[in-house]
Protein backbone atom coordinates (compact mmCIF):
# COMPACT_ATOMS: atom_id res chain seq x y z
CA MET A 1 2.66 4.66 8.20
CA GLY A 2 1.50 1.03 9.18
CA SER A 3 1.19 0.41 5.19
CA SER A 4 4.08 -1.36 3.40
CA ARG A 5 3.85 0.65 0.59
CA GLY A 6 5.42 3.75 2.38
CA CYS A 7 4.07 7.17 2.26
CA TRP A 8 3.91 9.57 -1.13
CA LEU A 9 4.12 13.23 -0.30
CA HIS A 10 3.56 15.90 -2.77
CA SER A 11 7.06 16.75 -2.87
CA THR A 12 9.36 14.52 -4.71
CA LEU A 13 10.19 12.16 -1.27
CA MET A 14 8.74 8.85 -0.52
CA VAL A 15 9.68 7.30 2.97
CA ASN A 16 9.14 3.86 3.07
CA ALA A 17 8.35 2.75 6.75
CA MET A 18 10.73 -0.66 6.74
CA ASP A 19 13.60 1.62 6.00
CA LEU A 20 12.83 3.65 9.63
CA PHE A 21 12.13 0.77 11.89
CA LEU A 22 15.34 -1.71 11.58
CA PRO A 23 15.89 -3.15 15.20
CA SER A 24 17.92 -6.33 14.73
CA SER A 25 19.32 -6.35 18.49
CA SER A 26 18.86 -4.76 21.81
CA ASP A 27 21.11 -2.06 21.11
CA ALA A 28 19.54 -1.43 17.58
CA PHE A 29 19.05 2.13 15.66
CA LEU A 30 15.30 2.52 15.89
CA GLY A 31 13.90 5.55 13.86
CA SER A 32 11.54 7.78 15.48
CA SER A 33 8.35 8.48 13.32
CA PRO A 34 8.62 11.79 11.46
CA TRP A 35 6.61 14.55 12.58
CA TRP A 36 4.88 16.49 9.24
CA GLN A 37 5.07 19.84 9.45
CA ALA A 38 2.23 21.18 7.19
CA PRO A 39 2.31 25.19 5.75
CA SER A 40 0.82 27.91 8.02
CA GLY A 41 -2.59 26.99 8.45
CA LYS A 42 -5.13 29.74 10.28
CA ASN A 43 -3.90 32.42 12.01
CA GLY A 44 -0.07 31.33 11.04
CA SER A 45 -0.23 28.18 13.35
CA ARG A 46 1.94 25.00 12.27
CA ARG A 47 -0.08 22.08 13.29
CA ALA A 48 0.45 18.40 11.87
CA ARG A 49 -1.71 16.45 10.11
CA SER A 50 -3.97 13.73 12.68
CA ASN A 51 -5.07 11.25 10.11
CA GLY A 52 -1.58 9.41 10.06
CA TYR A 53 -1.63 10.12 6.08
CA CYS A 54 0.86 12.50 4.48
CA GLY A 55 -0.40 15.25 1.97
CA SER A 56 -3.54 15.65 1.16
CA SER A 57 -6.82 13.15 1.62
CA ALA A 58 -9.44 12.98 -0.90
CA GLY A 59 -12.43 15.56 -0.08
CA ASP A 60 -9.65 17.91 1.98
CA ASP A 61 -11.20 21.03 1.51
CA ASP A 62 -7.92 23.15 3.09
CA ASP A 63 -5.63 24.02 0.63
CA SER A 64 -2.90 24.54 3.51
CA TRP A 65 -2.61 20.63 2.87
CA LYS A 66 -2.41 20.09 -0.50
CA SER A 67 1.71 20.15 0.01
CA VAL A 68 3.48 18.52 2.56
CA ALA A 69 7.58 18.85 4.03
CA VAL A 70 8.71 16.03 6.02
CA THR A 71 12.00 16.57 8.57
CA LEU A 72 13.05 13.07 10.19
CA PRO A 73 14.59 13.14 13.66
CA SER A 74 17.47 12.13 14.48
CA ARG A 75 17.79 8.58 14.89
CA ARG A 76 17.60 7.51 18.78
CA ARG A 77 18.48 4.33 20.49
CA ASP A 78 15.93 2.08 21.82
CA ALA A 79 16.57 -0.57 23.88
CA LEU A 80 15.23 -4.27 24.33
CA LEU A 81 12.68 -3.49 27.10
CA ALA A 82 10.51 -6.81 27.23
CA VAL A 83 9.68 -10.06 26.18
CA SER A 84 7.04 -12.02 25.76
CA TYR A 85 7.51 -16.09 25.86
CA ARG A 86 4.65 -18.13 24.23
CA SER A 87 4.69 -21.83 25.22
CA GLY A 88 8.68 -21.72 25.71
CA PHE A 89 9.80 -19.47 22.87
CA VAL A 90 10.07 -16.15 22.08
CA ASP A 91 6.58 -14.36 20.88
CA CYS A 92 7.41 -10.80 20.98
CA GLN A 93 10.12 -8.21 22.14
CA HIS A 94 9.71 -4.84 22.87
CA TYR A 95 12.08 -2.24 22.13
CA GLY A 96 12.17 1.50 23.59
CA SER A 97 13.28 3.77 26.41
CA VAL A 98 13.24 4.30 30.29
CA ILE A 99 14.57 6.19 32.58
CA VAL A 100 13.91 6.75 36.57
CA VAL A 101 15.17 9.71 38.66
CA ASP A 102 15.25 10.15 42.20
CA PRO A 103 13.80 12.71 44.61
CA GLY A 104 16.38 15.27 43.49
CA GLY A 105 16.11 14.85 39.88
CA HIS A 106 19.32 12.37 39.67
CA VAL A 107 19.27 9.70 36.89
CA CYS A 108 19.64 6.44 39.06
CA PHE A 109 18.67 3.98 35.98
CA ALA A 110 18.21 4.36 31.91
CA LEU A 111 17.97 2.28 29.31
CA GLY A 112 17.56 3.07 25.23
CA GLY A 113 17.15 7.24 24.38
CA PRO A 114 15.54 8.36 27.12
CA GLU A 115 17.12 12.15 26.61
CA PHE A 116 15.10 12.01 22.60
CA GLN A 117 11.82 13.99 22.30
CA THR A 118 9.05 11.82 21.72
CA TYR A 119 4.94 12.74 22.07
CA GLY A 120 3.76 12.43 25.78
CA ARG A 121 0.32 11.84 24.59
CA SER A 122 -2.17 11.75 27.67
CA ALA A 123 0.80 12.02 30.06
CA ASN A 124 1.18 15.48 29.21
CA LYS A 125 -2.23 15.80 30.99
CA MET A 126 -1.42 16.44 34.40
CA MET A 127 0.83 19.31 33.27
CA GLN A 128 -2.16 21.15 31.18
CA ALA A 129 -4.24 20.75 34.15
CA VAL A 130 -1.76 22.86 35.77
CA ALA A 131 -1.75 25.29 33.52
CA MET A 132 -5.36 25.39 33.34
CA LEU A 133 -5.66 25.37 37.52
CA ARG A 134 -3.04 28.76 36.73
CA LEU A 135 -5.44 30.59 35.10
CA GLY A 136 -8.37 30.12 37.04
CA LEU A 137 -10.33 26.86 36.20
CA ALA A 138 -12.46 26.28 39.18
CA VAL A 139 -13.10 22.83 39.60
CA SER A 140 -13.60 20.10 42.29
CA ASN A 141 -11.42 17.07 43.39
CA ARG A 142 -13.23 15.02 41.10
CA GLN A 143 -13.61 17.29 38.43
CA LEU A 144 -10.15 18.00 38.35
CA ALA A 145 -9.27 14.35 38.08
CA LEU A 146 -11.91 13.99 34.90
CA THR A 147 -9.53 16.76 33.64
CA THR A 148 -6.59 14.68 33.94
CA ALA A 149 -8.05 11.32 32.36
CA SER A 150 -7.91 9.26 29.58
CA HIS A 151 -11.45 7.61 31.17
CA SER A 152 -13.53 4.62 30.38
CA GLY A 153 -16.35 6.40 29.64
CA GLY A 154 -18.97 4.88 32.35
CA PRO A 155 -21.58 6.87 33.79
CA ASP A 156 -19.61 8.05 36.40
CA HIS A 157 -16.98 9.66 33.61
CA LEU A 158 -19.66 11.53 31.84
CA ASP A 159 -21.71 12.98 34.43
CA VAL A 160 -18.21 14.72 35.74
CA VAL A 161 -17.56 15.80 32.13
CA ARG A 162 -21.31 17.53 32.02
CA SER A 163 -20.70 18.70 35.23
CA ILE A 164 -17.71 20.96 34.33
CA LEU A 165 -19.34 22.08 31.49
CA GLU A 166 -22.46 23.03 33.15
CA ASP A 167 -20.57 25.22 35.81
CA ALA A 168 -19.26 26.89 32.90
CA GLY A 169 -22.31 27.76 31.45
CA LEU A 170 -22.18 25.04 28.90
CA THR A 171 -23.24 22.19 26.63
CA VAL A 172 -21.64 18.89 25.42
CA ASP A 173 -22.05 20.28 22.13
CA ARG A 174 -19.55 22.89 22.68
CA LEU A 175 -16.75 19.96 22.85
CA GLN A 176 -14.43 20.08 19.71
CA ASN A 177 -12.61 16.96 20.66
CA ALA A 178 -12.99 14.01 18.33
CA ILE A 179 -15.72 11.91 18.57
CA GLY A 180 -14.85 8.03 20.11
CA ARG A 181 -16.63 5.35 21.53
CA PRO A 182 -15.60 4.06 25.29
CA ILE A 183 -12.37 2.80 25.96
CA GLY A 184 -12.77 0.71 28.85
CA GLU A 185 -13.82 -2.79 28.21
CA ARG A 186 -16.56 -2.84 30.61
CA GLU A 187 -18.19 0.19 29.31
CA LEU A 188 -18.04 -0.45 25.60
CA ASP A 189 -19.75 -3.49 25.83
CA GLU A 190 -22.50 -1.58 28.03
CA PHE A 191 -22.07 1.18 25.16
CA LEU A 192 -22.91 -1.29 22.14
CA ALA A 193 -25.28 -3.30 24.02
CA ASN A 194 -27.65 -0.03 24.14
CA ARG A 195 -27.31 0.60 20.74
CA GLN A 196 -25.66 4.12 21.56
CA LYS A 197 -23.74 6.26 18.99
CA PRO A 198 -20.02 7.41 19.53
CA SER A 199 -19.75 10.95 20.43
CA ALA A 200 -17.36 13.55 21.95
CA LEU A 201 -18.48 13.22 24.98
CA THR A 202 -17.88 9.77 25.28
CA MET A 203 -14.44 9.99 23.85
CA ASN A 204 -12.12 9.41 26.69
CA CYS A 205 -10.19 13.04 26.75
CA SER A 206 -13.52 14.55 27.15
CA GLY A 207 -13.02 15.80 30.52
CA LYS A 208 -9.71 17.77 29.61
CA HIS A 209 -11.60 19.36 26.80
CA ALA A 210 -14.26 20.52 29.22
CA SER A 211 -11.78 21.67 31.25
CA MET A 212 -10.16 23.86 28.53
CA LEU A 213 -13.79 25.52 27.72
CA SER A 214 -14.46 26.29 31.21
CA THR A 215 -11.04 27.99 31.46
CA CYS A 216 -11.28 29.96 28.14
CA VAL A 217 -14.69 31.06 29.92
CA THR A 218 -13.09 32.26 32.77
CA CYS A 219 -10.59 34.05 30.93
CA SER A 220 -13.07 35.43 28.76
CA TRP A 221 -11.34 33.93 25.70
CA GLU A 222 -12.73 32.90 22.13
CA LEU A 223 -14.15 28.90 22.53
CA ASP A 224 -14.81 28.49 18.73
CA ASP A 225 -10.60 28.01 18.16
CA TYR A 226 -9.39 26.88 21.92
CA LEU A 227 -7.64 23.79 20.17
CA ASP A 228 -5.54 26.32 18.04
CA VAL A 229 -2.12 26.03 19.31
CA ASP A 230 -2.26 29.92 18.86
CA HIS A 231 -4.59 30.79 21.17
CA PRO A 232 -3.99 31.89 24.54
CA LEU A 233 -4.50 28.81 26.45
CA GLN A 234 -2.38 26.58 24.84
CA GLN A 235 0.61 28.68 24.70
CA ARG A 236 0.39 28.95 28.50
CA ILE A 237 -0.30 25.22 28.18
CA THR A 238 3.04 25.12 26.15
CA GLU A 239 4.80 27.37 28.32
CA THR A 240 3.82 24.84 31.43
CA ILE A 241 4.98 21.92 30.10
CA ALA A 242 8.33 23.44 29.43
CA GLU A 243 8.44 24.99 32.69
CA PHE A 244 8.09 21.33 34.16
CA THR A 245 10.12 19.19 31.81
CA GLY A 246 12.91 21.85 31.78
CA GLU A 247 12.88 21.76 27.96
CA THR A 248 11.78 23.47 25.03
CA THR A 249 9.72 20.88 22.82
CA ASP A 250 11.08 19.94 19.50
CA GLY A 251 7.36 19.81 17.61
CA ILE A 252 4.07 20.31 18.25
CA GLY A 253 1.29 17.83 16.61
CA ILE A 254 -1.97 17.02 16.77
CA ASP A 255 -3.44 14.37 19.52
CA GLY A 256 -5.84 11.98 19.07
CA CYS A 257 -8.20 14.15 20.59
CA GLY A 258 -7.27 17.05 18.28
CA ALA A 259 -5.37 18.81 21.02
CA PRO A 260 -2.18 19.71 20.48
CA ALA A 261 0.37 16.88 21.37
CA HIS A 262 3.60 18.55 22.88
CA GLN A 263 6.42 16.33 22.19
CA VAL A 264 9.21 15.90 25.43
CA SER A 265 11.96 13.52 26.51
CA LEU A 266 11.34 10.60 28.53
CA VAL A 267 14.02 12.80 31.06
CA GLY A 268 11.26 15.54 31.22
CA LEU A 269 8.37 13.75 31.61
CA ALA A 270 10.30 11.96 35.03
CA GLN A 271 11.31 15.43 36.11
CA SER A 272 7.79 16.60 35.73
CA LEU A 273 6.35 14.15 38.05
CA ARG A 274 9.13 14.57 40.20
CA LEU A 275 7.77 17.92 40.79
CA MET A 276 4.07 17.04 41.07
CA ALA A 277 4.80 14.26 43.62
CA GLN A 278 6.59 16.60 46.03
CA ALA A 279 4.40 19.87 45.37
CA ASP A 280 3.11 21.45 48.12
CA PRO A 281 -0.88 20.59 48.52
CA SER A 282 -1.99 23.82 48.14
CA SER A 283 -0.19 24.65 44.91
CA PRO A 284 -2.05 23.97 41.32
CA GLU A 285 0.56 20.37 41.18
CA GLY A 286 -0.26 19.60 43.91
CA ARG A 287 -3.89 19.75 43.80
CA VAL A 288 -3.77 17.46 40.55
CA ALA A 289 -1.26 15.12 42.52
CA ASP A 290 -3.97 14.86 44.89
CA ALA A 291 -6.73 14.37 42.40
CA ILE A 292 -4.85 11.40 41.00
CA ARG A 293 -4.39 9.94 44.62
CA SER A 294 -7.69 10.71 45.86
CA GLN A 295 -9.68 9.57 42.94
CA PRO A 296 -7.96 6.93 40.62
CA GLU A 297 -10.86 5.35 39.42
CA LEU A 298 -11.92 8.62 37.40
CA VAL A 299 -8.30 8.90 36.03
CA GLY A 300 -8.22 5.79 33.92
CA GLY A 301 -11.30 3.20 35.39
CA TYR A 302 -11.54 -0.13 36.91
CA GLY A 303 -9.72 -2.64 34.89
CA ARG A 304 -7.32 0.05 33.53
CA ASP A 305 -4.02 -0.56 34.07
CA VAL A 306 -3.63 2.59 35.51
CA THR A 307 -6.42 2.62 38.04
CA GLU A 308 -5.50 -0.74 39.28
CA LEU A 309 -1.67 0.15 39.55
CA LEU A 310 -2.97 3.33 41.64
CA LEU A 311 -5.63 1.75 43.96
CA ALA A 312 -2.69 -1.09 44.71
CA ALA A 313 -0.28 1.71 45.96
CA PRO A 314 -1.83 4.53 47.88
CA GLY A 315 0.20 7.60 47.59
CA TRP A 316 1.75 7.40 44.10
CA ILE A 317 0.79 9.22 40.91
CA GLY A 318 0.60 8.58 37.60
CA LYS A 319 -0.59 8.57 34.13
CA ASP A 320 -1.25 6.49 30.66
CA GLY A 321 -0.27 7.54 27.33
CA ALA A 322 -1.16 6.25 24.26
CA ASP A 323 1.28 4.19 22.32
CA GLY A 324 3.45 2.87 24.78
CA VAL A 325 3.59 6.12 27.34
CA MET A 326 3.17 5.54 30.89
CA VAL A 327 5.01 8.09 33.99
CA LEU A 328 4.63 6.92 37.85
CA ALA A 329 5.73 8.89 40.68
CA SER A 330 6.29 7.42 44.70
CA PRO A 331 5.00 9.36 47.08
CA ASP A 332 8.80 10.61 47.80
CA GLY A 333 9.82 11.78 44.60
CA PHE A 334 10.84 9.02 42.68
CA SER A 335 9.58 8.61 39.01
CA VAL A 336 9.77 6.58 35.84
CA ALA A 337 9.12 7.28 32.29
CA VAL A 338 8.37 4.82 29.58
CA LYS A 339 8.07 4.63 25.76
CA ILE A 340 7.20 1.16 23.95
CA GLY A 341 9.02 2.24 20.87
CA ASP A 342 6.08 0.23 18.70
CA GLY A 343 3.31 1.59 20.69
CA ALA A 344 2.10 -1.61 22.80
CA GLN A 345 0.37 -1.01 25.66
CA LEU A 346 0.83 -4.48 27.76
CA PRO A 347 4.70 -3.63 28.63
CA ARG A 348 4.58 -0.44 29.91
CA VAL A 349 3.57 -0.81 33.05
CA PRO A 350 5.78 -3.83 33.95
CA VAL A 351 8.63 -2.16 32.17
CA ALA A 352 8.08 0.74 34.37
CA LEU A 353 7.67 -1.09 37.84
CA ALA A 354 10.91 -3.44 36.93
CA ALA A 355 12.68 -0.06 36.22
CA LEU A 356 11.87 1.17 39.45
CA GLU A 357 13.21 -2.51 40.94
CA ARG A 358 16.34 -1.81 39.23
CA ALA A 359 16.84 1.64 40.73
CA GLY A 360 16.29 0.57 44.28
CA VAL A 361 12.87 1.78 44.66
CA SER A 362 10.34 -0.43 47.23
CA LEU A 363 7.21 -1.26 45.19
CA PRO A 364 3.99 -1.89 46.95
CA THR A 365 2.44 -5.05 47.40
CA LEU A 366 1.26 -5.66 43.69
CA ASP A 367 -0.94 -8.83 41.58
CA PRO A 368 1.74 -10.74 40.27
CA ALA A 369 0.24 -10.29 37.00
CA MET A 370 1.17 -6.28 36.98
CA LEU A 371 4.52 -7.15 37.35
CA ARG A 372 4.81 -10.49 34.58
CA PRO A 373 1.37 -10.37 32.42
CA PRO A 374 0.32 -13.74 31.13
CA VAL A 375 0.26 -14.72 27.61
CA LEU A 376 -2.49 -16.76 26.88
CA GLY A 377 -3.76 -19.64 24.46
CA GLY A 378 -6.83 -20.99 24.26
CA GLY A 379 -8.13 -18.85 26.91
CA HIS A 380 -5.34 -20.21 29.59
CA PRO A 381 -1.80 -18.88 30.19
CA VAL A 382 0.52 -20.30 27.94
CA GLY A 383 3.65 -17.69 28.89
CA GLU A 384 4.14 -14.59 30.46
CA LEU A 385 5.85 -10.91 29.39
CA VAL A 386 8.99 -10.67 31.26
CA PRO A 387 10.47 -7.18 31.30
CA LEU A 388 13.93 -5.95 31.46
CA SER A 389 15.13 -9.72 31.11
CA VAL A 390 18.74 -10.59 31.28
CA GLU A 391 18.59 -10.11 27.89
CA SER A 392 17.26 -6.57 27.78
CA LEU A 393 20.61 -5.74 30.19
CA GLN A 394 23.14 -7.40 27.99
């Protein structure tokens, strides 16, 4: 819905993006993106389109996509979470929602509409990993960290993905996730310098997909349709996400990698992190937490905000998600979940840390740039991004 011309549906309805997103103040109503519910596809499953367009696309041979119905969810109230200043003037304002819960699960700070569901994106990967471990996935600590990762695409990451597949007797050609380039800056530079081609292996979710395939081998399930929402693997994942968030999802779409994407509330995401942070180390969720704590360089990559934060905060767990999602939890179970409404990535970590501070949580010693990232002009700092500013809390 990035085009100003709106989005034509094959029904008689046309939705214009500007009709949904009209923030006028820090407490303005913001419409959440509609999720597109398609007619039943193979095996009766309902899955949303992943290419961002409505209706059928040119060259689409799947007749199940010829007609698309749209459900507009209730509007949620987002708050002003961060302000970016450039040369003394306001440059950007970022709206969204954030919540902090204490070790007992009680809310101790919140702004916006954290009770409304949104796509958890890759922040759901920890729960997906728990589901796979419960089903018998046999992986090392490093392999488990890659299972939860949105990796940068470096040689170490790719070697671990290959090892997950090899241990299951599989090769990389079984991966069904989207094709992609490395997302780490250094890794992408090397990738382009060597004139490599994008592949399913180099896509940042390949570790999760490798473990999904490995789990299917362990359970003697079909591999060809492991991404179908009705596949036994995906059904167990859906059940596990409901268990850890304490809620039923409003909808399951398709994530950027091609796997089912569950809608969850920030309340549910924060609760899931709290449970993992305090879990028995021998339990599946405890193993996931330990893998993230011990292998932060595999969860993201050097230079990435999630990895740099976890390296600077021993004992913490966390995960970044696409389009402005971030979750963190302290060793004792204080947890925070953030969704930046416009999908911006830069404010996620500063907002999460500022919210934890507002809730009275002691933070480790961090690079000041994590708390207030500089705004550059001509390669030099000319301002900064300020999370939860005075304007945000008015």
